[in-house]
């Protein structure tokens, strides 16, 4: 049995939020504007963006290691 339906819904929402934060930051939208759009604090936007960048780096490192094998 998987996670409760509301947990699945939250995780989809979190993934969508992360994608939106990355998209808007790549367009150089100010953090305060993103925060207002998403209904979260500016520090949370910064945290979401940092976590997304870290995840990208991790995937790239894993891909590079696989290529070197």
N, C-alpha and C. Protein backbone atom coordinates (compact mmCIF):
# COMPACT_ATOMS: atom_id res chain seq x y z
N UNK A 1 0.85 -1.18 0.00
CA UNK A 1 0.00 0.00 0.00
C UNK A 1 0.89 1.24 0.00
N UNK A 2 0.62 2.20 -0.87
CA UNK A 2 1.43 3.40 -1.00
C UNK A 2 1.07 4.45 0.02
N UNK A 3 1.64 5.63 -0.15
CA UNK A 3 1.33 6.73 0.77
C UNK A 3 -0.13 7.15 0.63
N UNK A 4 -0.67 7.77 1.67
CA UNK A 4 -2.06 8.23 1.60
C UNK A 4 -2.24 9.19 0.42
N UNK A 5 -3.46 9.29 -0.07
CA UNK A 5 -3.75 10.13 -1.23
C UNK A 5 -3.32 11.57 -1.01
N UNK A 6 -3.54 12.10 0.20
CA UNK A 6 -3.16 13.49 0.44
C UNK A 6 -1.65 13.67 0.42
N UNK A 7 -0.88 12.66 0.78
CA UNK A 7 0.59 12.75 0.71
C UNK A 7 1.04 12.73 -0.74
N UNK A 8 0.41 11.90 -1.56
CA UNK A 8 0.74 11.89 -3.00
C UNK A 8 0.42 13.24 -3.60
N UNK A 9 -0.70 13.81 -3.24
CA UNK A 9 -1.11 15.11 -3.76
C UNK A 9 -0.11 16.18 -3.36
N UNK A 10 0.34 16.16 -2.11
CA UNK A 10 1.33 17.14 -1.65
C UNK A 10 2.62 17.00 -2.42
N UNK A 11 3.06 15.77 -2.69
CA UNK A 11 4.32 15.59 -3.36
C UNK A 11 4.24 16.04 -4.81
N UNK A 12 3.12 15.85 -5.46
CA UNK A 12 2.95 16.38 -6.81
C UNK A 12 3.00 17.90 -6.76
N UNK A 13 2.31 18.46 -5.80
CA UNK A 13 2.31 19.91 -5.64
C UNK A 13 3.72 20.42 -5.38
N UNK A 14 4.47 19.72 -4.56
CA UNK A 14 5.85 20.14 -4.27
C UNK A 14 6.71 20.07 -5.53
N UNK A 15 6.53 19.03 -6.33
CA UNK A 15 7.30 18.90 -7.57
C UNK A 15 6.92 20.01 -8.54
N UNK A 16 5.65 20.29 -8.63
CA UNK A 16 5.21 21.37 -9.52
C UNK A 16 5.73 22.72 -9.03
N UNK A 17 5.71 22.91 -7.72
CA UNK A 17 6.22 24.17 -7.15
C UNK A 17 7.70 24.32 -7.44
N UNK A 18 8.45 23.24 -7.26
CA UNK A 18 9.89 23.28 -7.52
C UNK A 18 10.16 23.63 -8.98
N UNK A 19 9.43 22.99 -9.89
CA UNK A 19 9.61 23.27 -11.32
C UNK A 19 9.28 24.72 -11.64
N UNK A 20 8.23 25.23 -11.03
CA UNK A 20 7.84 26.64 -11.28
C UNK A 20 8.90 27.59 -10.74
N UNK A 21 9.43 27.32 -9.56
CA UNK A 21 10.47 28.17 -8.99
C UNK A 21 11.68 28.19 -9.92
N UNK A 22 12.11 27.03 -10.38
CA UNK A 22 13.27 26.96 -11.28
C UNK A 22 12.98 27.72 -12.56
N UNK A 23 11.81 27.50 -13.13
CA UNK A 23 11.44 28.19 -14.37
C UNK A 23 11.49 29.71 -14.20
N UNK A 24 10.89 30.20 -13.12
CA UNK A 24 10.85 31.65 -12.91
C UNK A 24 12.22 32.23 -12.57
N UNK A 25 13.01 31.52 -11.79
CA UNK A 25 14.35 32.03 -11.47
C UNK A 25 15.23 32.07 -12.71
N UNK A 26 15.07 31.10 -13.62
CA UNK A 26 15.83 31.12 -14.88
C UNK A 26 15.45 32.32 -15.73
N UNK A 27 14.23 32.81 -15.53
CA UNK A 27 13.77 34.01 -16.24
C UNK A 27 14.13 35.28 -15.46
N UNK A 28 14.85 35.10 -14.36
CA UNK A 28 15.30 36.20 -13.50
C UNK A 28 14.15 36.96 -12.82
N UNK A 29 13.07 36.24 -12.56
CA UNK A 29 11.97 36.83 -11.81
C UNK A 29 12.43 36.97 -10.36
N UNK A 30 12.21 38.13 -9.74
CA UNK A 30 12.64 38.32 -8.35
C UNK A 30 12.00 37.31 -7.39
N UNK A 31 12.76 36.94 -6.40
CA UNK A 31 12.30 35.96 -5.41
C UNK A 31 11.00 36.41 -4.74
N UNK A 32 10.90 37.69 -4.42
CA UNK A 32 9.68 38.19 -3.76
C UNK A 32 8.45 38.01 -4.65
N UNK A 33 8.62 38.17 -5.95
CA UNK A 33 7.50 37.99 -6.89
C UNK A 33 7.10 36.52 -6.95
N UNK A 34 8.09 35.64 -6.99
CA UNK A 34 7.82 34.20 -7.00
C UNK A 34 7.11 33.79 -5.72
N UNK A 35 7.60 34.30 -4.60
CA UNK A 35 6.99 33.97 -3.31
C UNK A 35 5.52 34.38 -3.29
N UNK A 36 5.23 35.57 -3.78
CA UNK A 36 3.85 36.04 -3.80
C UNK A 36 2.99 35.17 -4.71
N UNK A 37 3.53 34.80 -5.87
CA UNK A 37 2.77 33.97 -6.82
C UNK A 37 2.44 32.61 -6.23
N UNK A 38 3.41 32.02 -5.52
CA UNK A 38 3.24 30.67 -5.01
C UNK A 38 2.65 30.62 -3.60
N UNK A 39 2.56 31.76 -2.96
CA UNK A 39 2.00 31.80 -1.61
C UNK A 39 2.92 31.23 -0.55
N UNK A 40 4.23 31.39 -0.77
CA UNK A 40 5.23 30.95 0.21
C UNK A 40 6.13 32.12 0.53
N UNK A 41 6.99 31.96 1.54
CA UNK A 41 7.90 33.04 1.91
C UNK A 41 9.08 33.11 0.95
N UNK A 42 9.72 34.27 0.91
CA UNK A 42 10.92 34.44 0.08
C UNK A 42 12.02 33.47 0.50
N UNK A 43 12.27 33.28 1.81
CA UNK A 43 13.29 32.29 2.19
C UNK A 43 12.94 30.88 1.71
N UNK A 44 11.65 30.55 1.68
CA UNK A 44 11.26 29.22 1.19
C UNK A 44 11.54 29.09 -0.31
N UNK A 45 11.30 30.14 -1.07
CA UNK A 45 11.63 30.12 -2.50
C UNK A 45 13.12 29.87 -2.68
N UNK A 46 13.92 30.57 -1.91
CA UNK A 46 15.38 30.39 -1.98
C UNK A 46 15.75 28.95 -1.65
N UNK A 47 15.13 28.40 -0.63
CA UNK A 47 15.40 27.01 -0.22
C UNK A 47 14.99 26.02 -1.32
N UNK A 48 13.81 26.21 -1.88
CA UNK A 48 13.33 25.33 -2.95
C UNK A 48 14.28 25.38 -4.13
N UNK A 49 14.72 26.57 -4.51
CA UNK A 49 15.62 26.72 -5.64
C UNK A 49 16.97 26.04 -5.36
N UNK A 50 17.50 26.25 -4.17
CA UNK A 50 18.78 25.63 -3.80
C UNK A 50 18.66 24.10 -3.82
N UNK A 51 17.57 23.57 -3.31
CA UNK A 51 17.37 22.12 -3.31
C UNK A 51 17.26 21.58 -4.73
N UNK A 52 16.59 22.32 -5.60
CA UNK A 52 16.46 21.90 -7.00
C UNK A 52 17.82 21.88 -7.68
N UNK A 53 18.63 22.90 -7.44
CA UNK A 53 19.97 22.94 -8.03
C UNK A 53 20.83 21.79 -7.52
N UNK A 54 20.73 21.50 -6.25
CA UNK A 54 21.49 20.39 -5.67
C UNK A 54 21.08 19.06 -6.29
N UNK A 55 19.79 18.89 -6.50
CA UNK A 55 19.30 17.66 -7.12
C UNK A 55 19.83 17.52 -8.55
N UNK A 56 19.87 18.62 -9.28
CA UNK A 56 20.40 18.60 -10.65
C UNK A 56 21.87 18.21 -10.63
N UNK A 57 22.63 18.80 -9.72
CA UNK A 57 24.06 18.47 -9.61
C UNK A 57 24.24 17.00 -9.31
N UNK A 58 23.42 16.47 -8.42
CA UNK A 58 23.53 15.07 -8.02
C UNK A 58 23.28 14.14 -9.21
N UNK A 59 22.28 14.45 -10.00
CA UNK A 59 21.96 13.64 -11.18
C UNK A 59 23.12 13.70 -12.18
N UNK A 60 23.67 14.89 -12.37
CA UNK A 60 24.78 15.04 -13.31
C UNK A 60 26.00 14.26 -12.86
N UNK A 61 26.27 14.28 -11.57
CA UNK A 61 27.41 13.53 -11.04
C UNK A 61 27.18 12.03 -11.25
N UNK A 62 25.98 11.57 -10.96
CA UNK A 62 25.66 10.15 -11.15
C UNK A 62 25.80 9.75 -12.62
N UNK A 63 25.36 10.60 -13.52
CA UNK A 63 25.48 10.31 -14.95
C UNK A 63 26.95 10.25 -15.37
N UNK A 64 27.73 11.16 -14.88
CA UNK A 64 29.15 11.21 -15.21
C UNK A 64 29.85 9.95 -14.71
N UNK A 65 29.54 9.55 -13.50
CA UNK A 65 30.14 8.33 -12.94
C UNK A 65 29.78 7.11 -13.78
N UNK A 66 28.53 7.04 -14.21
CA UNK A 66 28.09 5.91 -15.04
C UNK A 66 28.83 5.90 -16.37
N UNK A 67 29.09 7.07 -16.93
CA UNK A 67 29.82 7.16 -18.19
C UNK A 67 31.28 6.69 -18.04
N UNK A 68 31.84 6.92 -16.88
CA UNK A 68 33.26 6.59 -16.66
C UNK A 68 33.48 5.10 -16.42
N UNK A 69 32.43 4.36 -16.20
CA UNK A 69 32.56 2.92 -15.93
C UNK A 69 32.78 2.14 -17.17
